[in-house]
All heavy atoms as atom14 arrays in JSON, in Angstrom:
{
  "sequence": "SWSVRNTLYADSVKGRFTISRDNTKNTVFLQMSSLKPEDTAVYYCA",
  "atom14_mask": [
    [1, 1, 1, 1, 1, 1, 0, 0, 0, 0, 0, 0, 0, 0],
    [1, 1, 1, 1, 1, 1, 1, 1, 1, 1, 1, 1, 1, 1],
    [1, 1, 1, 1, 1, 1, 0, 0, 0, 0, 0, 0, 0, 0],
    [1, 1, 1, 1, 1, 1, 1, 0, 0, 0, 0, 0, 0, 0],
    [1, 1, 1, 1, 1, 1, 1, 1, 1, 1, 1, 0, 0, 0],
    [1, 1, 1, 1, 1, 1, 1, 1, 0, 0, 0, 0, 0, 0],
    [1, 1, 1, 1, 1, 1, 1, 0, 0, 0, 0, 0, 0, 0],
    [1, 1, 1, 1, 1, 1, 1, 1, 0, 0, 0, 0, 0, 0],
    [1, 1, 1, 1, 1, 1, 1, 1, 1, 1, 1, 1, 0, 0],
    [1, 1, 1, 1, 1, 0, 0, 0, 0, 0, 0, 0, 0, 0],
    [1, 1, 1, 1, 1, 1, 1, 1, 0, 0, 0, 0, 0, 0],
    [1, 1, 1, 1, 1, 1, 0, 0, 0, 0, 0, 0, 0, 0],
    [1, 1, 1, 1, 1, 1, 1, 0, 0, 0, 0, 0, 0, 0],
    [1, 1, 1, 1, 1, 1, 1, 1, 1, 0, 0, 0, 0, 0],
    [1, 1, 1, 1, 0, 0, 0, 0, 0, 0, 0, 0, 0, 0],
    [1, 1, 1, 1, 1, 1, 1, 1, 1, 1, 1, 0, 0, 0],
    [1, 1, 1, 1, 1, 1, 1, 1, 1, 1, 1, 0, 0, 0],
    [1, 1, 1, 1, 1, 1, 1, 0, 0, 0, 0, 0, 0, 0],
    [1, 1, 1, 1, 1, 1, 1, 1, 0, 0, 0, 0, 0, 0],
    [1, 1, 1, 1, 1, 1, 0, 0, 0, 0, 0, 0, 0, 0],
    [1, 1, 1, 1, 1, 1, 1, 1, 1, 1, 1, 0, 0, 0],
    [1, 1, 1, 1, 1, 1, 1, 1, 0, 0, 0, 0, 0, 0],
    [1, 1, 1, 1, 1, 1, 1, 1, 0, 0, 0, 0, 0, 0],
    [1, 1, 1, 1, 1, 1, 1, 0, 0, 0, 0, 0, 0, 0],
    [1, 1, 1, 1, 1, 1, 1, 1, 1, 0, 0, 0, 0, 0],
    [1, 1, 1, 1, 1, 1, 1, 1, 0, 0, 0, 0, 0, 0],
    [1, 1, 1, 1, 1, 1, 1, 0, 0, 0, 0, 0, 0, 0],
    [1, 1, 1, 1, 1, 1, 1, 0, 0, 0, 0, 0, 0, 0],
    [1, 1, 1, 1, 1, 1, 1, 1, 1, 1, 1, 0, 0, 0],
    [1, 1, 1, 1, 1, 1, 1, 1, 0, 0, 0, 0, 0, 0],
    [1, 1, 1, 1, 1, 1, 1, 1, 1, 0, 0, 0, 0, 0],
    [1, 1, 1, 1, 1, 1, 1, 1, 0, 0, 0, 0, 0, 0],
    [1, 1, 1, 1, 1, 1, 0, 0, 0, 0, 0, 0, 0, 0],
    [1, 1, 1, 1, 1, 1, 0, 0, 0, 0, 0, 0, 0, 0],
    [1, 1, 1, 1, 1, 1, 1, 1, 0, 0, 0, 0, 0, 0],
    [1, 1, 1, 1, 1, 1, 1, 1, 1, 0, 0, 0, 0, 0],
    [1, 1, 1, 1, 1, 1, 1, 0, 0, 0, 0, 0, 0, 0],
    [1, 1, 1, 1, 1, 1, 1, 1, 1, 0, 0, 0, 0, 0],
    [1, 1, 1, 1, 1, 1, 1, 1, 0, 0, 0, 0, 0, 0],
    [1, 1, 1, 1, 1, 1, 1, 0, 0, 0, 0, 0, 0, 0],
    [1, 1, 1, 1, 1, 0, 0, 0, 0, 0, 0, 0, 0, 0],
    [1, 1, 1, 1, 1, 1, 1, 0, 0, 0, 0, 0, 0, 0],
    [1, 1, 1, 1, 1, 1, 1, 1, 1, 1, 1, 1, 0, 0],
    [1, 1, 1, 1, 1, 1, 1, 1, 1, 1, 1, 1, 0, 0],
    [1, 1, 1, 1, 1, 1, 0, 0, 0, 0, 0, 0, 0, 0],
    [1, 1, 1, 1, 1, 0, 0, 0, 0, 0, 0, 0, 0, 0]
  ],
  "atom14_positions": [
    [[-0.18, -4.12, 9.75], [0.05, -5.06, 10.78], [-0.64, -6.37, 10.39], [-1.57, -6.38, 9.58], [-0.48, -4.58, 12.14], [-1.86, -4.31, 12.09], [0.0, 0.0, 0.0], [0.0, 0.0, 0.0], [0.0, 0.0, 0.0], [0.0, 0.0, 0.0], [0.0, 0.0, 0.0], [0.0, 0.0, 0.0], [0.0, 0.0, 0.0], [0.0, 0.0, 0.0]],
    [[-0.23, -7.48, 11.06], [-0.89, -8.69, 10.69], [-2.28, -8.83, 11.26], [-3.08, -9.61, 10.75], [-0.01, -9.94, 11.06], [0.33, -10.21, 12.49], [1.48, -9.96, 13.13], [-0.47, -10.98, 13.47], [1.52, -10.39, 14.39], [0.32, -11.06, 14.64], [-1.71, -11.57, 13.46], [-0.13, -11.74, 15.75], [-2.14, -12.22, 14.59], [-1.38, -12.31, 15.68]],
    [[-2.61, -8.02, 12.29], [-3.98, -8.02, 12.82], [-4.91, -7.16, 11.92], [-6.09, -7.17, 12.15], [-3.96, -7.46, 14.26], [-3.69, -6.08, 14.18], [0.0, 0.0, 0.0], [0.0, 0.0, 0.0], [0.0, 0.0, 0.0], [0.0, 0.0, 0.0], [0.0, 0.0, 0.0], [0.0, 0.0, 0.0], [0.0, 0.0, 0.0], [0.0, 0.0, 0.0]],
    [[-4.28, -6.49, 10.99], [-5.08, -5.65, 10.03], [-5.55, -4.36, 10.67], [-6.03, -3.46, 10.03], [-6.21, -6.37, 9.3], [-6.72, -5.58, 8.14], [-5.83, -7.76, 8.91], [0.0, 0.0, 0.0], [0.0, 0.0, 0.0], [0.0, 0.0, 0.0], [0.0, 0.0, 0.0], [0.0, 0.0, 0.0], [0.0, 0.0, 0.0], [0.0, 0.0, 0.0]],
    [[-5.28, -4.19, 11.96], [-5.79, -3.01, 12.66], [-5.03, -1.79, 12.37], [-5.58, -0.67, 12.34], [-5.75, -3.31, 14.17], [-7.07, -3.83, 14.75], [-6.95, -3.86, 16.25], [-6.47, -5.12, 16.69], [-6.22, -5.42, 17.97], [-6.34, -4.47, 18.85], [-5.75, -6.6, 18.37], [0.0, 0.0, 0.0], [0.0, 0.0, 0.0], [0.0, 0.0, 0.0]],
    [[-3.72, -1.91, 12.06], [-2.94, -0.74, 11.9], [-2.28, -0.63, 10.55], [-1.83, -1.65, 9.97], [-1.77, -0.69, 12.99], [-2.33, -0.5, 14.39], [-3.44, -0.02, 14.56], [-1.53, -0.76, 15.34], [0.0, 0.0, 0.0], [0.0, 0.0, 0.0], [0.0, 0.0, 0.0], [0.0, 0.0, 0.0], [0.0, 0.0, 0.0], [0.0, 0.0, 0.0]],
    [[-2.25, 0.54, 10.03], [-1.53, 0.82, 8.74], [-0.68, 2.07, 8.97], [-0.84, 2.84, 9.81], [-2.55, 1.07, 7.6], [-3.37, 2.17, 7.93], [-3.33, -0.17, 7.28], [0.0, 0.0, 0.0], [0.0, 0.0, 0.0], [0.0, 0.0, 0.0], [0.0, 0.0, 0.0], [0.0, 0.0, 0.0], [0.0, 0.0, 0.0], [0.0, 0.0, 0.0]],
    [[0.28, 2.17, 8.05], [1.24, 3.31, 8.1], [1.59, 3.69, 6.73], [1.79, 2.77, 5.87], [2.49, 2.92, 8.91], [3.51, 3.99, 9.19], [2.91, 5.07, 10.13], [4.76, 3.4, 9.82], [0.0, 0.0, 0.0], [0.0, 0.0, 0.0], [0.0, 0.0, 0.0], [0.0, 0.0, 0.0], [0.0, 0.0, 0.0], [0.0, 0.0, 0.0]],
    [[1.68, 4.99, 6.41], [2.02, 5.43, 5.05], [3.14, 6.47, 5.06], [3.23, 7.25, 6.03], [0.78, 6.05, 4.44], [-0.35, 5.13, 4.21], [-1.4, 4.95, 5.17], [-0.44, 4.3, 3.04], [-2.36, 4.01, 4.98], [-1.47, 3.44, 2.86], [-2.45, 3.27, 3.82], [-3.5, 2.38, 3.63], [0.0, 0.0, 0.0], [0.0, 0.0, 0.0]],
    [[3.87, 6.49, 3.99], [4.8, 7.56, 3.83], [4.04, 8.81, 3.53], [2.96, 8.74, 2.89], [5.76, 7.27, 2.63], [0.0, 0.0, 0.0], [0.0, 0.0, 0.0], [0.0, 0.0, 0.0], [0.0, 0.0, 0.0], [0.0, 0.0, 0.0], [0.0, 0.0, 0.0], [0.0, 0.0, 0.0], [0.0, 0.0, 0.0], [0.0, 0.0, 0.0]],
    [[4.51, 9.98, 3.92], [3.85, 11.21, 3.7], [3.54, 11.45, 2.18], [2.53, 12.0, 1.77], [4.62, 12.36, 4.26], [4.62, 12.4, 5.76], [3.75, 11.77, 6.34], [5.43, 13.09, 6.38], [0.0, 0.0, 0.0], [0.0, 0.0, 0.0], [0.0, 0.0, 0.0], [0.0, 0.0, 0.0], [0.0, 0.0, 0.0], [0.0, 0.0, 0.0]],
    [[4.43, 10.98, 1.36], [4.4, 11.22, -0.07], [3.17, 10.51, -0.72], [2.78, 10.88, -1.86], [5.64, 10.89, -0.75], [5.94, 9.49, -0.51], [0.0, 0.0, 0.0], [0.0, 0.0, 0.0], [0.0, 0.0, 0.0], [0.0, 0.0, 0.0], [0.0, 0.0, 0.0], [0.0, 0.0, 0.0], [0.0, 0.0, 0.0], [0.0, 0.0, 0.0]],
    [[2.67, 9.47, -0.07], [1.58, 8.71, -0.67], [0.28, 8.74, 0.14], [-0.71, 8.25, -0.3], [2.01, 7.23, -0.91], [3.3, 7.16, -1.66], [2.11, 6.48, 0.43], [0.0, 0.0, 0.0], [0.0, 0.0, 0.0], [0.0, 0.0, 0.0], [0.0, 0.0, 0.0], [0.0, 0.0, 0.0], [0.0, 0.0, 0.0], [0.0, 0.0, 0.0]],
    [[0.37, 9.34, 1.29], [-0.79, 9.46, 2.16], [-1.95, 10.08, 1.45], [-1.85, 11.13, 0.8], [-0.47, 10.21, 3.44], [-1.25, 9.87, 4.66], [-0.69, 10.49, 5.88], [0.61, 9.96, 6.26], [1.17, 10.53, 7.47], [0.0, 0.0, 0.0], [0.0, 0.0, 0.0], [0.0, 0.0, 0.0], [0.0, 0.0, 0.0], [0.0, 0.0, 0.0]],
    [[-3.13, 9.44, 1.56], [-4.34, 9.98, 0.89], [-4.43, 9.5, -0.55], [-5.53, 9.71, -1.14], [0.0, 0.0, 0.0], [0.0, 0.0, 0.0], [0.0, 0.0, 0.0], [0.0, 0.0, 0.0], [0.0, 0.0, 0.0], [0.0, 0.0, 0.0], [0.0, 0.0, 0.0], [0.0, 0.0, 0.0], [0.0, 0.0, 0.0], [0.0, 0.0, 0.0]],
    [[-3.41, 8.94, -1.1], [-3.45, 8.44, -2.5], [-3.42, 6.93, -2.61], [-3.93, 6.36, -3.53], [-2.38, 9.14, -3.33], [-2.44, 10.59, -3.42], [-1.38, 11.11, -4.4], [0.0, 10.82, -4.05], [0.83, 10.13, -4.82], [0.44, 9.65, -5.97], [2.05, 9.88, -4.42], [0.0, 0.0, 0.0], [0.0, 0.0, 0.0], [0.0, 0.0, 0.0]],
    [[-2.62, 6.31, -1.68], [-2.38, 4.9, -1.69], [-3.13, 4.27, -0.48], [-3.21, 4.86, 0.59], [-0.91, 4.57, -1.56], [-0.06, 4.9, -2.77], [-0.57, 5.68, -3.83], [1.2, 4.45, -2.87], [0.19, 6.01, -4.94], [1.99, 4.8, -3.96], [1.51, 5.58, -4.99], [0.0, 0.0, 0.0], [0.0, 0.0, 0.0], [0.0, 0.0, 0.0]],
    [[-3.54, 3.02, -0.69], [-4.2, 2.29, 0.39], [-3.62, 0.86, 0.39], [-3.66, 0.22, -0.62], [-5.7, 2.19, 0.22], [-6.25, 3.53, 0.15], [-6.35, 1.47, 1.32], [0.0, 0.0, 0.0], [0.0, 0.0, 0.0], [0.0, 0.0, 0.0], [0.0, 0.0, 0.0], [0.0, 0.0, 0.0], [0.0, 0.0, 0.0], [0.0, 0.0, 0.0]],
    [[-3.14, 0.47, 1.58], [-2.65, -0.91, 1.74], [-3.73, -1.73, 2.39], [-4.45, -1.24, 3.3], [-1.32, -0.96, 2.54], [-0.75, -2.36, 2.55], [-1.52, -0.42, 3.95], [0.67, -2.43, 3.13], [0.0, 0.0, 0.0], [0.0, 0.0, 0.0], [0.0, 0.0, 0.0], [0.0, 0.0, 0.0], [0.0, 0.0, 0.0], [0.0, 0.0, 0.0]],
    [[-3.84, -2.99, 1.95], [-4.86, -3.87, 2.57], [-4.33, -5.27, 2.43], [-3.33, -5.52, 1.7], [-6.21, -3.73, 1.86], [-6.14, -4.09, 0.5], [0.0, 0.0, 0.0], [0.0, 0.0, 0.0], [0.0, 0.0, 0.0], [0.0, 0.0, 0.0], [0.0, 0.0, 0.0], [0.0, 0.0, 0.0], [0.0, 0.0, 0.0], [0.0, 0.0, 0.0]],
    [[-4.97, -6.23, 3.13], [-4.53, -7.59, 3.03], [-5.77, -8.5, 3.15], [-6.72, -8.17, 3.77], [-3.51, -7.9, 4.1], [-3.99, -7.81, 5.52], [-2.87, -7.89, 6.48], [-2.22, -9.24, 6.48], [-1.01, -9.44, 7.04], [-0.36, -8.48, 7.59], [-0.49, -10.67, 6.97], [0.0, 0.0, 0.0], [0.0, 0.0, 0.0], [0.0, 0.0, 0.0]],
    [[-5.59, -9.65, 2.57], [-6.57, -10.77, 2.69], [-5.88, -11.98, 3.2], [-5.18, -12.67, 2.46], [-7.21, -10.99, 1.32], [-8.39, -12.03, 1.4], [-8.47, -12.73, 2.43], [-9.19, -12.05, 0.45], [0.0, 0.0, 0.0], [0.0, 0.0, 0.0], [0.0, 0.0, 0.0], [0.0, 0.0, 0.0], [0.0, 0.0, 0.0], [0.0, 0.0, 0.0]],
    [[-6.02, -12.2, 4.49], [-5.28, -13.3, 5.1], [-5.82, -14.68, 4.67], [-5.18, -15.66, 4.82], [-5.39, -13.21, 6.65], [-4.5, -12.09, 7.15], [-3.58, -11.57, 6.46], [-4.72, -11.68, 8.4], [0.0, 0.0, 0.0], [0.0, 0.0, 0.0], [0.0, 0.0, 0.0], [0.0, 0.0, 0.0], [0.0, 0.0, 0.0], [0.0, 0.0, 0.0]],
    [[-7.03, -14.7, 4.13], [-7.54, -15.94, 3.62], [-6.94, -16.32, 2.25], [-6.93, -17.49, 1.9], [-9.05, -15.9, 3.45], [-9.42, -14.98, 2.44], [-9.77, -15.52, 4.76], [0.0, 0.0, 0.0], [0.0, 0.0, 0.0], [0.0, 0.0, 0.0], [0.0, 0.0, 0.0], [0.0, 0.0, 0.0], [0.0, 0.0, 0.0], [0.0, 0.0, 0.0]],
    [[-6.38, -15.32, 1.62], [-5.73, -15.56, 0.29], [-4.26, -15.31, 0.33], [-3.58, -15.35, -0.74], [-6.41, -14.62, -0.78], [-7.86, -14.96, -1.01], [-8.48, -14.06, -2.09], [-9.89, -14.34, -2.29], [-10.5, -13.5, -3.32], [0.0, 0.0, 0.0], [0.0, 0.0, 0.0], [0.0, 0.0, 0.0], [0.0, 0.0, 0.0], [0.0, 0.0, 0.0]],
    [[-3.7, -15.02, 1.53], [-2.25, -14.8, 1.66], [-1.8, -13.75, 0.69], [-0.7, -13.94, 0.03], [-1.46, -16.14, 1.43], [-1.56, -17.07, 2.57], [-2.32, -16.82, 3.52], [-0.79, -18.14, 2.58], [0.0, 0.0, 0.0], [0.0, 0.0, 0.0], [0.0, 0.0, 0.0], [0.0, 0.0, 0.0], [0.0, 0.0, 0.0], [0.0, 0.0, 0.0]],
    [[-2.49, -12.68, 0.64], [-2.18, -11.62, -0.33], [-2.28, -10.28, 0.31], [-3.21, -10.0, 1.04], [-3.11, -11.69, -1.58], [-3.06, -13.01, -2.17], [-2.72, -10.65, -2.64], [0.0, 0.0, 0.0], [0.0, 0.0, 0.0], [0.0, 0.0, 0.0], [0.0, 0.0, 0.0], [0.0, 0.0, 0.0], [0.0, 0.0, 0.0], [0.0, 0.0, 0.0]],
    [[-1.33, -9.43, -0.02], [-1.4, -8.0, 0.36], [-1.53, -7.16, -0.9], [-0.95, -7.49, -1.94], [-0.19, -7.56, 1.24], [1.1, -7.79, 0.47], [-0.34, -6.18, 1.78], [0.0, 0.0, 0.0], [0.0, 0.0, 0.0], [0.0, 0.0, 0.0], [0.0, 0.0, 0.0], [0.0, 0.0, 0.0], [0.0, 0.0, 0.0], [0.0, 0.0, 0.0]],
    [[-2.24, -6.07, -0.73], [-2.52, -5.17, -1.93], [-2.05, -3.81, -1.65], [-1.94, -3.33, -0.48], [-3.99, -5.17, -2.2], [-4.67, -6.51, -2.38], [-5.33, -7.13, -1.34], [-4.64, -7.13, -3.61], [-5.89, -8.36, -1.49], [-5.22, -8.39, -3.77], [-5.81, -8.99, -2.72], [0.0, 0.0, 0.0], [0.0, 0.0, 0.0], [0.0, 0.0, 0.0]],
    [[-1.77, -3.11, -2.74], [-1.44, -1.63, -2.64], [-2.27, -1.01, -3.75], [-1.94, -1.14, -4.95], [0.02, -1.37, -2.84], [0.39, 0.14, -2.6], [0.22, 0.55, -1.15], [1.84, 0.37, -3.08], [0.0, 0.0, 0.0], [0.0, 0.0, 0.0], [0.0, 0.0, 0.0], [0.0, 0.0, 0.0], [0.0, 0.0, 0.0], [0.0, 0.0, 0.0]],
    [[-3.33, -0.32, -3.4], [-4.14, 0.4, -4.34], [-3.58, 1.81, -4.43], [-3.44, 2.54, -3.48], [-5.6, 0.5, -3.82], [-6.5, 1.32, -4.71], [-6.73, 0.65, -6.11], [-6.98, -0.52, -6.17], [-6.59, 1.45, -7.15], [0.0, 0.0, 0.0], [0.0, 0.0, 0.0], [0.0, 0.0, 0.0], [0.0, 0.0, 0.0], [0.0, 0.0, 0.0]],
    [[-3.17, 2.18, -5.66], [-2.53, 3.43, -5.94], [-3.42, 4.31, -6.83], [-3.75, 3.81, -7.91], [-1.13, 3.21, -6.57], [-0.28, 2.27, -5.83], [1.37, 2.1, -6.51], [0.99, 1.37, -8.07], [0.0, 0.0, 0.0], [0.0, 0.0, 0.0], [0.0, 0.0, 0.0], [0.0, 0.0, 0.0], [0.0, 0.0, 0.0], [0.0, 0.0, 0.0]],
    [[-3.75, 5.49, -6.37], [-4.58, 6.38, -7.13], [-3.89, 7.7, -7.26], [-2.92, 8.02, -6.57], [-5.93, 6.52, -6.4], [-6.57, 5.31, -6.25], [0.0, 0.0, 0.0], [0.0, 0.0, 0.0], [0.0, 0.0, 0.0], [0.0, 0.0, 0.0], [0.0, 0.0, 0.0], [0.0, 0.0, 0.0], [0.0, 0.0, 0.0], [0.0, 0.0, 0.0]],
    [[-4.4, 8.55, -8.16], [-3.86, 9.84, -8.41], [-2.33, 9.79, -8.6], [-1.59, 10.53, -7.98], [-4.17, 10.83, -7.23], [-5.55, 10.93, -7.08], [0.0, 0.0, 0.0], [0.0, 0.0, 0.0], [0.0, 0.0, 0.0], [0.0, 0.0, 0.0], [0.0, 0.0, 0.0], [0.0, 0.0, 0.0], [0.0, 0.0, 0.0], [0.0, 0.0, 0.0]],
    [[-1.91, 8.87, -9.42], [-0.47, 8.59, -9.6], [0.22, 9.79, -10.26], [-0.34, 10.51, -11.06], [-0.29, 7.32, -10.4], [-0.51, 6.04, -9.6], [-0.72, 4.88, -10.55], [0.71, 5.76, -8.73], [0.0, 0.0, 0.0], [0.0, 0.0, 0.0], [0.0, 0.0, 0.0], [0.0, 0.0, 0.0], [0.0, 0.0, 0.0], [0.0, 0.0, 0.0]],
    [[1.43, 9.92, -9.8], [2.31, 11.05, -10.28], [3.55, 10.43, -10.94], [3.98, 9.4, -10.58], [2.67, 11.93, -9.11], [1.49, 12.47, -8.27], [2.01, 13.26, -7.13], [0.91, 13.79, -6.27], [1.36, 14.52, -5.05], [0.0, 0.0, 0.0], [0.0, 0.0, 0.0], [0.0, 0.0, 0.0], [0.0, 0.0, 0.0], [0.0, 0.0, 0.0]],
    [[4.17, 11.18, -11.8], [5.46, 10.69, -12.43], [6.46, 10.33, -11.35], [7.25, 9.41, -11.54], [5.88, 11.84, -13.3], [4.62, 12.54, -13.68], [3.71, 12.46, -12.47], [0.0, 0.0, 0.0], [0.0, 0.0, 0.0], [0.0, 0.0, 0.0], [0.0, 0.0, 0.0], [0.0, 0.0, 0.0], [0.0, 0.0, 0.0], [0.0, 0.0, 0.0]],
    [[6.43, 11.03, -10.23], [7.46, 10.76, -9.19], [7.14, 9.45, -8.5], [7.96, 9.0, -7.63], [7.6, 11.92, -8.19], [6.28, 12.38, -7.66], [5.74, 13.6, -8.38], [5.8, 13.59, -9.66], [5.26, 14.53, -7.73], [0.0, 0.0, 0.0], [0.0, 0.0, 0.0], [0.0, 0.0, 0.0], [0.0, 0.0, 0.0], [0.0, 0.0, 0.0]],
    [[6.04, 8.8, -8.73], [5.77, 7.5, -8.18], [6.44, 6.34, -9.01], [6.36, 5.15, -8.63], [4.21, 7.25, -8.13], [3.51, 8.14, -7.22], [4.01, 8.39, -6.09], [2.41, 8.61, -7.59], [0.0, 0.0, 0.0], [0.0, 0.0, 0.0], [0.0, 0.0, 0.0], [0.0, 0.0, 0.0], [0.0, 0.0, 0.0], [0.0, 0.0, 0.0]],
    [[6.98, 6.73, -10.12], [7.67, 5.74, -10.94], [8.83, 5.06, -10.19], [9.69, 5.75, -9.63], [8.23, 6.43, -12.21], [7.12, 6.83, -12.97], [9.07, 5.4, -13.06], [0.0, 0.0, 0.0], [0.0, 0.0, 0.0], [0.0, 0.0, 0.0], [0.0, 0.0, 0.0], [0.0, 0.0, 0.0], [0.0, 0.0, 0.0], [0.0, 0.0, 0.0]],
    [[8.78, 3.76, -10.13], [9.83, 2.99, -9.4], [9.5, 1.51, -9.49], [8.42, 1.1, -10.04], [9.72, 3.36, -7.86], [0.0, 0.0, 0.0], [0.0, 0.0, 0.0], [0.0, 0.0, 0.0], [0.0, 0.0, 0.0], [0.0, 0.0, 0.0], [0.0, 0.0, 0.0], [0.0, 0.0, 0.0], [0.0, 0.0, 0.0], [0.0, 0.0, 0.0]],
    [[10.43, 0.74, -9.02], [10.14, -0.69, -8.77], [9.57, -0.88, -7.38], [10.18, -0.35, -6.46], [11.44, -1.56, -8.96], [11.15, -3.05, -8.65], [12.0, -1.37, -10.38], [0.0, 0.0, 0.0], [0.0, 0.0, 0.0], [0.0, 0.0, 0.0], [0.0, 0.0, 0.0], [0.0, 0.0, 0.0], [0.0, 0.0, 0.0], [0.0, 0.0, 0.0]],
    [[8.45, -1.48, -7.3], [7.78, -1.67, -6.03], [7.99, -3.06, -5.52], [7.81, -4.04, -6.24], [6.28, -1.38, -6.2], [5.94, 0.07, -6.28], [6.33, 0.86, -7.42], [5.4, 0.78, -5.19], [6.07, 2.15, -7.49], [5.11, 2.14, -5.3], [5.45, 2.81, -6.43], [5.18, 4.17, -6.53], [0.0, 0.0, 0.0], [0.0, 0.0, 0.0]],
    [[8.36, -3.15, -4.23], [8.67, -4.37, -3.58], [7.74, -4.63, -2.39], [7.48, -3.69, -1.64], [10.12, -4.44, -3.07], [11.15, -4.27, -4.13], [11.62, -2.99, -4.49], [11.72, -5.39, -4.8], [12.62, -2.83, -5.43], [12.73, -5.21, -5.73], [13.15, -3.92, -6.07], [14.11, -3.8, -7.02], [0.0, 0.0, 0.0], [0.0, 0.0, 0.0]],
    [[7.28, -5.85, -2.2], [6.61, -6.16, -0.95], [7.63, -6.88, -0.05], [8.58, -7.55, -0.59], [5.35, -6.89, -1.15], [5.48, -8.63, -1.66], [0.0, 0.0, 0.0], [0.0, 0.0, 0.0], [0.0, 0.0, 0.0], [0.0, 0.0, 0.0], [0.0, 0.0, 0.0], [0.0, 0.0, 0.0], [0.0, 0.0, 0.0], [0.0, 0.0, 0.0]],
    [[7.35, -6.82, 1.26], [8.23, -7.5, 2.18], [7.42, -7.95, 3.37], [6.31, -7.41, 3.66], [9.25, -6.44, 2.69], [0.0, 0.0, 0.0], [0.0, 0.0, 0.0], [0.0, 0.0, 0.0], [0.0, 0.0, 0.0], [0.0, 0.0, 0.0], [0.0, 0.0, 0.0], [0.0, 0.0, 0.0], [0.0, 0.0, 0.0], [0.0, 0.0, 0.0]]
  ]
}
């Protein structure tokens, strides 16, 4: 959310990925850990 208070994850990435944002830098991040071959894809932000 834009207030940074709420986040939501797909079940397939829960516990492995973390979304965050820095509103002072107009940037959103996706930290991905414990990556699996099935995570292979083109990733888009929206």
